[in-house]
């Protein structure tokens, strides 16, 4: 399968699909602003990375998705960072 062509649907926390499914993995995605003058980390980029991680498992969707703005600590390589996590699922009959 070509991962770039497979895009899992995203379901936010509290919004579950009505179809039957099975959880196949926990997945995550991150966005990191590595340079001071670069664009800040974004939830949109973190969700793209989350979808890419879900594609590794050939997931149909990601449920219970939550995103967090993380504060950089002194030894962080990111000026700003957003991290998203969820459960990758596949539909079952």
PDB file of N, CA and C in Angstrom:
ATOM      1  N   UNK A   1       0.843  -1.196   0.000  1.00  0.00           N
ATOM      2  CA  UNK A   1       0.000   0.000   0.000  1.00  0.00           C
ATOM      3  C   UNK A   1       0.877   1.243   0.000  1.00  0.00           C
ATOM      4  N   UNK A   2       0.482   2.233  -0.749  1.00  0.00           N
ATOM      5  CA  UNK A   2       1.163   3.515  -0.767  1.00  0.00           C
ATOM      6  C   UNK A   2       0.626   4.355   0.389  1.00  0.00           C
ATOM      7  N   UNK A   3       1.436   4.541   1.425  1.00  0.00           N
ATOM      8  CA  UNK A   3       0.979   5.233   2.631  1.00  0.00           C
ATOM      9  C   UNK A   3       0.502   6.639   2.352  1.00  0.00           C
ATOM     10  N   UNK A   4       1.157   7.314   1.429  1.00  0.00           N
ATOM     11  CA  UNK A   4       0.766   8.700   1.189  1.00  0.00           C
ATOM     12  C   UNK A   4      -0.641   8.807   0.605  1.00  0.00           C
ATOM     13  N   UNK A   5      -1.133   7.734  -0.032  1.00  0.00           N
ATOM     14  CA  UNK A   5      -2.473   7.791  -0.607  1.00  0.00           C
ATOM     15  C   UNK A   5      -3.548   7.326   0.363  1.00  0.00           C
ATOM     16  N   UNK A   6      -3.148   6.794   1.499  1.00  0.00           N
ATOM     17  CA  UNK A   6      -4.104   6.285   2.487  1.00  0.00           C
ATOM     18  C   UNK A   6      -4.259   7.329   3.588  1.00  0.00           C
ATOM     19  N   UNK A   7      -5.448   7.862   3.735  1.00  0.00           N
ATOM     20  CA  UNK A   7      -5.675   8.901   4.732  1.00  0.00           C
ATOM     21  C   UNK A   7      -6.778   8.471   5.684  1.00  0.00           C
ATOM     22  N   UNK A   8      -6.414   8.252   6.930  1.00  0.00           N
ATOM     23  CA  UNK A   8      -7.375   7.828   7.944  1.00  0.00           C
ATOM     24  C   UNK A   8      -8.244   9.008   8.375  1.00  0.00           C
ATOM     25  N   UNK A   9      -9.530   8.728   8.594  1.00  0.00           N
ATOM     26  CA  UNK A   9     -10.427   9.741   9.157  1.00  0.00           C
ATOM     27  C   UNK A   9     -10.036   9.978  10.611  1.00  0.00           C
ATOM     28  N   UNK A  10     -10.241  11.192  11.072  1.00  0.00           N
ATOM     29  CA  UNK A  10      -9.908  11.552  12.452  1.00  0.00           C
ATOM     30  C   UNK A  10     -11.198  11.796  13.229  1.00  0.00           C
ATOM     31  N   UNK A  11     -11.346  11.115  14.355  1.00  0.00           N
ATOM     32  CA  UNK A  11     -12.476  11.327  15.266  1.00  0.00           C
ATOM     33  C   UNK A  11     -11.914  11.898  16.562  1.00  0.00           C
ATOM     34  N   UNK A  12     -12.419  13.055  16.939  1.00  0.00           N
ATOM     35  CA  UNK A  12     -11.956  13.727  18.157  1.00  0.00           C
ATOM     36  C   UNK A  12     -12.499  13.038  19.405  1.00  0.00           C
ATOM     37  N   UNK A  13     -11.896  13.365  20.525  1.00  0.00           N
ATOM     38  CA  UNK A  13     -12.326  12.842  21.824  1.00  0.00           C
ATOM     39  C   UNK A  13     -13.820  13.071  21.999  1.00  0.00           C
ATOM     40  N   UNK A  14     -14.556  12.025  22.363  1.00  0.00           N
ATOM     41  CA  UNK A  14     -15.990  12.141  22.597  1.00  0.00           C
ATOM     42  C   UNK A  14     -16.838  11.947  21.361  1.00  0.00           C
ATOM     43  N   UNK A  15     -16.228  11.792  20.196  1.00  0.00           N
ATOM     44  CA  UNK A  15     -16.951  11.610  18.938  1.00  0.00           C
ATOM     45  C   UNK A  15     -16.509  10.283  18.321  1.00  0.00           C
ATOM     46  N   UNK A  16     -17.272   9.217  18.568  1.00  0.00           N
ATOM     47  CA  UNK A  16     -16.904   7.886  18.083  1.00  0.00           C
ATOM     48  C   UNK A  16     -17.722   7.507  16.857  1.00  0.00           C
ATOM     49  N   UNK A  17     -17.134   6.715  15.958  1.00  0.00           N
ATOM     50  CA  UNK A  17     -17.889   6.276  14.781  1.00  0.00           C
ATOM     51  C   UNK A  17     -18.998   5.311  15.170  1.00  0.00           C
ATOM     52  N   UNK A  18     -20.027   5.231  14.334  1.00  0.00           N
ATOM     53  CA  UNK A  18     -21.152   4.341  14.625  1.00  0.00           C
ATOM     54  C   UNK A  18     -20.919   2.936  14.076  1.00  0.00           C
ATOM     55  N   UNK A  19     -19.929   2.743  13.222  1.00  0.00           N
ATOM     56  CA  UNK A  19     -19.616   1.427  12.658  1.00  0.00           C
ATOM     57  C   UNK A  19     -18.802   0.593  13.646  1.00  0.00           C
ATOM     58  N   UNK A  20     -18.825  -0.726  13.439  1.00  0.00           N
ATOM     59  CA  UNK A  20     -18.010  -1.620  14.270  1.00  0.00           C
ATOM     60  C   UNK A  20     -16.546  -1.509  13.861  1.00  0.00           C
ATOM     61  N   UNK A  21     -15.669  -1.550  14.839  1.00  0.00           N
ATOM     62  CA  UNK A  21     -14.238  -1.415  14.579  1.00  0.00           C
ATOM     63  C   UNK A  21     -13.438  -2.185  15.615  1.00  0.00           C
ATOM     64  N   UNK A  22     -12.143  -2.359  15.309  1.00  0.00           N
ATOM     65  CA  UNK A  22     -11.220  -2.905  16.291  1.00  0.00           C
ATOM     66  C   UNK A  22     -10.003  -1.993  16.365  1.00  0.00           C
ATOM     67  N   UNK A  23      -9.503  -1.802  17.577  1.00  0.00           N
ATOM     68  CA  UNK A  23      -8.321  -0.978  17.783  1.00  0.00           C
ATOM     69  C   UNK A  23      -7.101  -1.809  17.393  1.00  0.00           C
ATOM     70  N   UNK A  24      -6.232  -1.214  16.567  1.00  0.00           N
ATOM     71  CA  UNK A  24      -5.040  -1.944  16.137  1.00  0.00           C
ATOM     72  C   UNK A  24      -3.745  -1.367  16.699  1.00  0.00           C
ATOM     73  N   UNK A  25      -3.751  -0.114  17.129  1.00  0.00           N
ATOM     74  CA  UNK A  25      -2.541   0.473  17.700  1.00  0.00           C
ATOM     75  C   UNK A  25      -2.837   1.861  18.267  1.00  0.00           C
ATOM     76  N   UNK A  26      -1.972   2.309  19.140  1.00  0.00           N
ATOM     77  CA  UNK A  26      -1.960   3.706  19.564  1.00  0.00           C
ATOM     78  C   UNK A  26      -0.992   4.413  18.623  1.00  0.00           C
ATOM     79  N   UNK A  27      -1.392   5.576  18.111  1.00  0.00           N
ATOM     80  CA  UNK A  27      -0.563   6.316  17.156  1.00  0.00           C
ATOM     81  C   UNK A  27      -0.371   7.747  17.637  1.00  0.00           C
ATOM     82  N   UNK A  28       0.694   8.387  17.142  1.00  0.00           N
ATOM     83  CA  UNK A  28       0.912   9.785  17.510  1.00  0.00           C
ATOM     84  C   UNK A  28       1.527  10.544  16.344  1.00  0.00           C
ATOM     85  N   UNK A  29       1.452  11.838  16.449  1.00  0.00           N
ATOM     86  CA  UNK A  29       2.052  12.725  15.461  1.00  0.00           C
ATOM     87  C   UNK A  29       2.488  14.008  16.138  1.00  0.00           C
ATOM     88  N   UNK A  30       3.581  14.569  15.662  1.00  0.00           N
ATOM     89  CA  UNK A  30       4.112  15.780  16.279  1.00  0.00           C
ATOM     90  C   UNK A  30       4.460  16.820  15.233  1.00  0.00           C
ATOM     91  N   UNK A  31       4.377  18.060  15.640  1.00  0.00           N
ATOM     92  CA  UNK A  31       4.831  19.198  14.854  1.00  0.00           C
ATOM     93  C   UNK A  31       5.814  19.969  15.726  1.00  0.00           C
ATOM     94  N   UNK A  32       6.967  20.278  15.154  1.00  0.00           N
ATOM     95  CA  UNK A  32       8.029  20.929  15.925  1.00  0.00           C
ATOM     96  C   UNK A  32       8.570  22.132  15.160  1.00  0.00           C
ATOM     97  N   UNK A  33       8.619  23.270  15.803  1.00  0.00           N
ATOM     98  CA  UNK A  33       9.254  24.467  15.235  1.00  0.00           C
ATOM     99  C   UNK A  33      10.728  24.400  15.618  1.00  0.00           C
ATOM    100  N   UNK A  34      11.580  24.023  14.677  1.00  0.00           N
ATOM    101  CA  UNK A  34      13.003  23.803  14.971  1.00  0.00           C
ATOM    102  C   UNK A  34      13.857  25.056  14.853  1.00  0.00           C
ATOM    103  N   UNK A  35      13.368  26.067  14.139  1.00  0.00           N
ATOM    104  CA  UNK A  35      14.123  27.306  13.989  1.00  0.00           C
ATOM    105  C   UNK A  35      13.294  28.473  14.511  1.00  0.00           C
ATOM    106  N   UNK A  36      13.971  29.428  15.114  1.00  0.00           N
ATOM    107  CA  UNK A  36      13.293  30.560  15.741  1.00  0.00           C
ATOM    108  C   UNK A  36      12.402  31.325  14.765  1.00  0.00           C
ATOM    109  N   UNK A  37      12.874  31.540  13.544  1.00  0.00           N
ATOM    110  CA  UNK A  37      12.113  32.329  12.566  1.00  0.00           C
ATOM    111  C   UNK A  37      11.183  31.470  11.714  1.00  0.00           C
ATOM    112  N   UNK A  38      11.118  30.180  11.966  1.00  0.00           N
ATOM    113  CA  UNK A  38      10.233  29.282  11.205  1.00  0.00           C
ATOM    114  C   UNK A  38       8.792  29.429  11.701  1.00  0.00           C
ATOM    115  N   UNK A  39       7.872  28.876  10.929  1.00  0.00           N
ATOM    116  CA  UNK A  39       6.463  28.885  11.336  1.00  0.00           C
ATOM    117  C   UNK A  39       6.304  28.091  12.633  1.00  0.00           C
ATOM    118  N   UNK A  40       5.431  28.544  13.526  1.00  0.00           N
ATOM    119  CA  UNK A  40       5.213  27.811  14.776  1.00  0.00           C
ATOM    120  C   UNK A  40       4.647  26.407  14.509  1.00  0.00           C
ATOM    121  N   UNK A  41       4.874  25.518  15.439  1.00  0.00           N
ATOM    122  CA  UNK A  41       4.286  24.184  15.360  1.00  0.00           C
ATOM    123  C   UNK A  41       2.773  24.335  15.274  1.00  0.00           C
ATOM    124  N   UNK A  42       2.123  23.410  14.525  1.00  0.00           N
ATOM    125  CA  UNK A  42       0.683  23.546  14.352  1.00  0.00           C
ATOM    126  C   UNK A  42      -0.026  22.219  14.570  1.00  0.00           C
ATOM    127  N   UNK A  43      -1.281  22.322  14.992  1.00  0.00           N
ATOM    128  CA  UNK A  43      -2.111  21.135  15.163  1.00  0.00           C
ATOM    129  C   UNK A  43      -2.346  20.465  13.811  1.00  0.00           C
ATOM    130  N   UNK A  44      -2.491  21.251  12.771  1.00  0.00           N
ATOM    131  CA  UNK A  44      -2.705  20.708  11.430  1.00  0.00           C
ATOM    132  C   UNK A  44      -1.544  19.798  11.012  1.00  0.00           C
ATOM    133  N   UNK A  45      -0.315  20.257  11.225  1.00  0.00           N
ATOM    134  CA  UNK A  45       0.858  19.443  10.877  1.00  0.00           C
ATOM    135  C   UNK A  45       0.964  18.209  11.770  1.00  0.00           C
ATOM    136  N   UNK A  46       0.621  18.346  13.042  1.00  0.00           N
ATOM    137  CA  UNK A  46       0.661  17.200  13.955  1.00  0.00           C
ATOM    138  C   UNK A  46      -0.381  16.154  13.548  1.00  0.00           C
ATOM    139  N   UNK A  47      -1.558  16.598  13.080  1.00  0.00           N
ATOM    140  CA  UNK A  47      -2.584  15.665  12.611  1.00  0.00           C
ATOM    141  C   UNK A  47      -2.154  14.961  11.321  1.00  0.00           C
ATOM    142  N   UNK A  48      -1.435  15.666  10.442  1.00  0.00           N
ATOM    143  CA  UNK A  48      -0.893  15.023   9.238  1.00  0.00           C
ATOM    144  C   UNK A  48       0.084  13.918   9.631  1.00  0.00           C
ATOM    145  N   UNK A  49       0.933  14.202  10.609  1.00  0.00           N
ATOM    146  CA  UNK A  49       1.883  13.194  11.083  1.00  0.00           C
ATOM    147  C   UNK A  49       1.150  12.027  11.754  1.00  0.00           C
ATOM    148  N   UNK A  50       0.066  12.325  12.451  1.00  0.00           N
ATOM    149  CA  UNK A  50      -0.755  11.281  13.080  1.00  0.00           C
ATOM    150  C   UNK A  50      -1.343  10.365  12.002  1.00  0.00           C
ATOM    151  N   UNK A  51      -1.867  10.954  10.936  1.00  0.00           N
ATOM    152  CA  UNK A  51      -2.406  10.160   9.821  1.00  0.00           C
ATOM    153  C   UNK A  51      -1.318   9.286   9.195  1.00  0.00           C
ATOM    154  N   UNK A  52      -0.116   9.828   9.051  1.00  0.00           N
ATOM    155  CA  UNK A  52       0.989   9.056   8.483  1.00  0.00           C
ATOM    156  C   UNK A  52       1.332   7.871   9.381  1.00  0.00           C
ATOM    157  N   UNK A  53       1.314   8.080  10.687  1.00  0.00           N
ATOM    158  CA  UNK A  53       1.579   6.980  11.616  1.00  0.00           C
ATOM    159  C   UNK A  53       0.480   5.929  11.513  1.00  0.00           C
ATOM    160  N   UNK A  54      -0.779   6.365  11.416  1.00  0.00           N
ATOM    161  CA  UNK A  54      -1.912   5.438  11.280  1.00  0.00           C
ATOM    162  C   UNK A  54      -1.811   4.652   9.972  1.00  0.00           C
ATOM    163  N   UNK A  55      -1.291   5.279   8.914  1.00  0.00           N
ATOM    164  CA  UNK A  55      -1.154   4.612   7.623  1.00  0.00           C
ATOM    165  C   UNK A  55      -0.181   3.441   7.693  1.00  0.00           C
ATOM    166  N   UNK A  56       0.798   3.523   8.581  1.00  0.00           N
ATOM    167  CA  UNK A  56       1.739   2.396   8.745  1.00  0.00           C
ATOM    168  C   UNK A  56       1.008   1.121   9.141  1.00  0.00           C
ATOM    169  N   UNK A  57      -0.121   1.270   9.822  1.00  0.00           N
ATOM    170  CA  UNK A  57      -0.922   0.127  10.286  1.00  0.00           C
ATOM    171  C   UNK A  57      -2.117  -0.141   9.370  1.00  0.00           C
ATOM    172  N   UNK A  58      -2.185   0.602   8.250  1.00  0.00           N
ATOM    173  CA  UNK A  58      -3.310   0.512   7.329  1.00  0.00           C
ATOM    174  C   UNK A  58      -4.640   0.763   8.038  1.00  0.00           C
ATOM    175  N   UNK A  59      -4.626   1.725   8.945  1.00  0.00           N
ATOM    176  CA  UNK A  59      -5.821   2.083   9.717  1.00  0.00           C
ATOM    177  C   UNK A  59      -6.837   2.792   8.839  1.00  0.00           C
ATOM    178  N   UNK A  60      -8.104   2.553   9.135  1.00  0.00           N
ATOM    179  CA  UNK A  60      -9.190   3.245   8.445  1.00  0.00           C
ATOM    180  C   UNK A  60      -9.514   4.586   9.089  1.00  0.00           C
ATOM    181  N   UNK A  61      -9.241   4.685  10.387  1.00  0.00           N
ATOM    182  CA  UNK A  61      -9.567   5.908  11.125  1.00  0.00           C
ATOM    183  C   UNK A  61      -8.733   5.955  12.408  1.00  0.00           C
ATOM    184  N   UNK A  62      -8.746   7.118  13.032  1.00  0.00           N
ATOM    185  CA  UNK A  62      -8.127   7.301  14.346  1.00  0.00           C
ATOM    186  C   UNK A  62      -9.201   7.874  15.258  1.00  0.00           C
ATOM    187  N   UNK A  63      -9.428   7.209  16.394  1.00  0.00           N
ATOM    188  CA  UNK A  63     -10.446   7.653  17.344  1.00  0.00           C
ATOM    189  C   UNK A  63      -9.787   8.189  18.602  1.00  0.00           C
ATOM    190  N   UNK A  64     -10.604   8.868  19.417  1.00  0.00           N
ATOM    191  CA  UNK A  64     -10.158   9.414  20.706  1.00  0.00           C
ATOM    192  C   UNK A  64      -8.928  10.299  20.533  1.00  0.00           C
ATOM    193  N   UNK A  65      -8.910  11.059  19.438  1.00  0.00           N
ATOM    194  CA  UNK A  65      -7.772  11.910  19.122  1.00  0.00           C
ATOM    195  C   UNK A  65      -7.741  13.132  20.033  1.00  0.00           C
ATOM    196  N   UNK A  66      -6.570  13.388  20.587  1.00  0.00           N
ATOM    197  CA  UNK A  66      -6.357  14.570  21.418  1.00  0.00           C
ATOM    198  C   UNK A  66      -5.042  15.215  21.013  1.00  0.00           C
ATOM    199  N   UNK A  67      -5.000  16.533  21.005  1.00  0.00           N
ATOM    200  CA  UNK A  67      -3.786  17.269  20.687  1.00  0.00           C
ATOM    201  C   UNK A  67      -3.417  18.188  21.849  1.00  0.00           C
ATOM    202  N   UNK A  68      -2.117  18.369  22.021  1.00  0.00           N
ATOM    203  CA  UNK A  68      -1.607  19.158  23.139  1.00  0.00           C
ATOM    204  C   UNK A  68      -0.513  20.097  22.648  1.00  0.00           C
ATOM    205  N   UNK A  69      -0.544  21.339  23.137  1.00  0.00           N
ATOM    206  CA  UNK A  69       0.570  22.261  22.938  1.00  0.00           C
ATOM    207  C   UNK A  69       1.551  21.994  24.058  1.00  0.00           C
ATOM    208  N   UNK A  70       2.779  21.659  23.701  1.00  0.00           N
ATOM    209  CA  UNK A  70       3.789  21.330  24.704  1.00  0.00           C
ATOM    210  C   UNK A  70       4.727  22.508  24.901  1.00  0.00           C
ATOM    211  N   UNK A  71       5.063  22.780  26.138  1.00  0.00           N
ATOM    212  CA  UNK A  71       6.021  23.836  26.441  1.00  0.00           C
ATOM    213  C   UNK A  71       7.425  23.260  26.301  1.00  0.00           C
ATOM    214  N   UNK A  72       8.287  23.954  25.571  1.00  0.00           N
ATOM    215  CA  UNK A  72       9.659  23.458  25.425  1.00  0.00           C
ATOM    216  C   UNK A  72      10.415  23.597  26.746  1.00  0.00           C
ATOM    217  N   UNK A  73      11.259  22.616  27.032  1.00  0.00           N
ATOM    218  CA  UNK A  73      12.122  22.760  28.202  1.00  0.00           C
ATOM    219  C   UNK A  73      13.499  23.214  27.733  1.00  0.00           C
ATOM    220  N   UNK A  74      14.405  23.424  28.664  1.00  0.00           N
ATOM    221  CA  UNK A  74      15.700  24.023  28.361  1.00  0.00           C
ATOM    222  C   UNK A  74      16.490  23.238  27.313  1.00  0.00           C
ATOM    223  N   UNK A  75      16.380  21.924  27.294  1.00  0.00           N
ATOM    224  CA  UNK A  75      17.172  21.126  26.361  1.00  0.00           C
ATOM    225  C   UNK A  75      16.367  20.687  25.129  1.00  0.00           C
ATOM    226  N   UNK A  76      15.191  21.262  24.911  1.00  0.00           N
ATOM    227  CA  UNK A  76      14.346  20.912  23.772  1.00  0.00           C
ATOM    228  C   UNK A  76      14.920  21.456  22.468  1.00  0.00           C
ATOM    229  N   UNK A  77      14.724  20.725  21.374  1.00  0.00           N
ATOM    230  CA  UNK A  77      15.147  21.208  20.058  1.00  0.00           C
ATOM    231  C   UNK A  77      14.021  21.978  19.370  1.00  0.00           C
ATOM    232  N   UNK A  78      12.866  22.070  20.012  1.00  0.00           N
ATOM    233  CA  UNK A  78      11.704  22.750  19.435  1.00  0.00           C
ATOM    234  C   UNK A  78      11.435  24.067  20.171  1.00  0.00           C
ATOM    235  N   UNK A  79      11.179  25.120  19.396  1.00  0.00           N
ATOM    236  CA  UNK A  79      10.755  26.390  19.994  1.00  0.00           C
ATOM    237  C   UNK A  79       9.282  26.317  20.386  1.00  0.00           C
ATOM    238  N   UNK A  80       8.506  25.593  19.586  1.00  0.00           N
ATOM    239  CA  UNK A  80       7.119  25.294  19.933  1.00  0.00           C
ATOM    240  C   UNK A  80       6.844  23.878  19.438  1.00  0.00           C
ATOM    241  N   UNK A  81       5.894  23.197  20.081  1.00  0.00           N
ATOM    242  CA  UNK A  81       5.623  21.807  19.723  1.00  0.00           C
ATOM    243  C   UNK A  81       4.159  21.478  19.991  1.00  0.00           C
ATOM    244  N   UNK A  82       3.549  20.744  19.060  1.00  0.00           N
ATOM    245  CA  UNK A  82       2.194  20.234  19.217  1.00  0.00           C
ATOM    246  C   UNK A  82       2.273  18.725  19.023  1.00  0.00           C
ATOM    247  N   UNK A  83       1.645  18.002  19.920  1.00  0.00           N
ATOM    248  CA  UNK A  83       1.629  16.547  19.850  1.00  0.00           C
ATOM    249  C   UNK A  83       0.184  16.059  19.855  1.00  0.00           C
ATOM    250  N   UNK A  84      -0.133  15.124  18.945  1.00  0.00           N
ATOM    251  CA  UNK A  84      -1.466  14.526  18.879  1.00  0.00           C
ATOM    252  C   UNK A  84      -1.336  13.016  19.076  1.00  0.00           C
ATOM    253  N   UNK A  85      -2.308  12.437  19.746  1.00  0.00           N
ATOM    254  CA  UNK A  85      -2.320  10.999  20.017  1.00  0.00           C
ATOM    255  C   UNK A  85      -3.724  10.484  19.808  1.00  0.00           C
ATOM    256  N   UNK A  86      -3.834   9.224  19.412  1.00  0.00           N
ATOM    257  CA  UNK A  86      -5.148   8.604  19.216  1.00  0.00           C
ATOM    258  C   UNK A  86      -4.990   7.105  19.065  1.00  0.00           C
ATOM    259  N   UNK A  87      -6.109   6.427  18.847  1.00  0.00           N
ATOM    260  CA  UNK A  87      -6.122   4.984  18.652  1.00  0.00           C
ATOM    261  C   UNK A  87      -6.476   4.680  17.200  1.00  0.00           C
ATOM    262  N   UNK A  88      -5.577   3.985  16.522  1.00  0.00           N
ATOM    263  CA  UNK A  88      -5.813   3.595  15.127  1.00  0.00           C
ATOM    264  C   UNK A  88      -6.770   2.404  15.107  1.00  0.00           C
ATOM    265  N   UNK A  89      -7.753   2.467  14.188  1.00  0.00           N
ATOM    266  CA  UNK A  89      -8.754   1.398  14.119  1.00  0.00           C
ATOM    267  C   UNK A  89      -8.926   0.918  12.676  1.00  0.00           C
ATOM    268  N   UNK A  90      -9.477  -0.278  12.551  1.00  0.00           N
ATOM    269  CA  UNK A  90      -9.921  -0.819  11.260  1.00  0.00           C
ATOM    270  C   UNK A  90     -11.381  -1.202  11.409  1.00  0.00           C
ATOM    271  N   UNK A  91     -12.146  -0.964  10.341  1.00  0.00           N
ATOM    272  CA  UNK A  91     -13.567  -1.336  10.353  1.00  0.00           C
ATOM    273  C   UNK A  91     -13.697  -2.857  10.294  1.00  0.00           C
ATOM    274  N   UNK A  92     -14.686  -3.383  11.018  1.00  0.00           N
ATOM    275  CA  UNK A  92     -14.983  -4.812  10.963  1.00  0.00           C
ATOM    276  C   UNK A  92     -16.431  -4.990  10.521  1.00  0.00           C
ATOM    277  N   UNK A  93     -16.693  -6.115   9.852  1.00  0.00           N
ATOM    278  CA  UNK A  93     -18.055  -6.407   9.371  1.00  0.00           C
ATOM    279  C   UNK A  93     -18.958  -6.858  10.489  1.00  0.00           C
TER     280      UNK A  93
END
